[in-house]
Protein backbone atom coordinates (compact mmCIF):
# COMPACT_ATOMS: atom_id res chain seq x y z
CA MET A 1 1.31 9.23 1.41
CA PRO A 2 1.99 9.51 5.13
CA GLY A 3 -1.17 10.43 7.00
CA GLU A 4 -3.49 9.46 4.16
CA SER A 5 -6.23 6.89 4.43
CA THR A 6 -5.70 3.97 2.09
CA GLY A 7 -9.42 3.31 1.92
CA ALA A 8 -10.95 0.00 0.92
CA PRO A 9 -8.75 -2.85 -0.39
CA ASP A 10 -10.37 -2.43 -3.81
CA GLY A 11 -10.51 1.37 -3.56
CA PRO A 12 -8.85 3.86 -5.91
CA LEU A 13 -5.60 4.43 -3.98
CA LEU A 14 -4.64 0.77 -3.64
CA ARG A 15 -5.77 0.00 -7.21
CA TYR A 16 -3.51 2.83 -8.40
CA LEU A 17 -0.53 1.49 -6.43
CA ARG A 18 -1.13 -2.03 -7.76
CA ALA A 19 -1.17 -0.63 -11.31
CA LEU A 20 2.15 1.16 -10.72
CA GLU A 21 3.63 -2.01 -9.22
CA ALA A 22 2.50 -4.03 -12.25
CA PHE A 23 4.00 -1.41 -14.62
CA ASP A 24 7.33 -1.53 -12.77
CA ARG A 25 7.42 -5.33 -13.10
CA ALA A 26 6.47 -5.26 -16.79
CA PHE A 27 8.99 -2.55 -17.72
CA PRO A 28 12.17 -2.88 -15.62
CA GLY A 29 14.32 0.23 -15.73
CA PHE A 30 11.32 2.56 -16.13
CA HIS A 31 10.13 2.40 -12.54
CA SER A 32 7.51 4.72 -11.12
CA GLU A 33 8.11 7.07 -8.23
CA ALA A 34 5.44 7.36 -5.55
CA HIS A 35 6.02 9.31 -2.33
CA GLY A 36 5.97 7.03 0.71
CA VAL A 37 6.35 3.80 -1.25
CA THR A 38 9.32 1.52 -0.69
CA VAL A 39 10.10 -1.20 -3.21
CA ALA A 40 11.25 -4.50 -1.72
CA PRO A 41 14.60 -5.31 -3.38
CA GLU A 42 14.14 -9.08 -3.26
CA ASN A 43 10.81 -9.26 -5.13
CA GLY A 44 9.75 -5.76 -6.27
CA ASP A 45 6.66 -5.62 -4.06
CA TYR A 46 5.42 -2.16 -3.15
CA LEU A 47 5.48 -1.55 0.61
CA ILE A 48 3.68 1.26 2.42
CA GLU A 49 3.40 1.96 6.11
CA CYS A 50 -0.12 2.37 7.42
CA VAL A 51 -1.99 2.37 10.71
CA ARG A 52 -4.77 -0.13 11.21
CA THR A 53 -7.81 1.34 12.92
CA ALA A 54 -9.40 -0.63 15.73
CA HIS A 55 -12.64 -2.32 14.76
CA GLU A 56 -15.17 -3.63 17.22
CA GLY A 57 -14.35 -7.21 18.11
CA ALA A 58 -10.93 -7.17 16.40
CA PRO A 59 -8.05 -8.82 18.30
CA GLY A 60 -6.31 -6.22 20.45
CA SER A 61 -9.15 -3.74 20.04
CA ALA A 62 -9.94 -1.52 23.00
CA VAL A 63 -13.57 -1.39 21.91
CA GLN A 64 -15.73 -3.86 23.86
């Protein structure tokens, strides 16, 4: 997944990852494998690294 846009919070990529995460929790021992996803050992949450784009008016944004 590195370099890919995650899209909207309710978009297809994040919905897909939430479905895989739910499957992994429902069926321990039959975990999914997704490139670029790390599973938190303490709670099973899916973790991905992403870059937040600057939006006008957002804290720390260079856009004025």
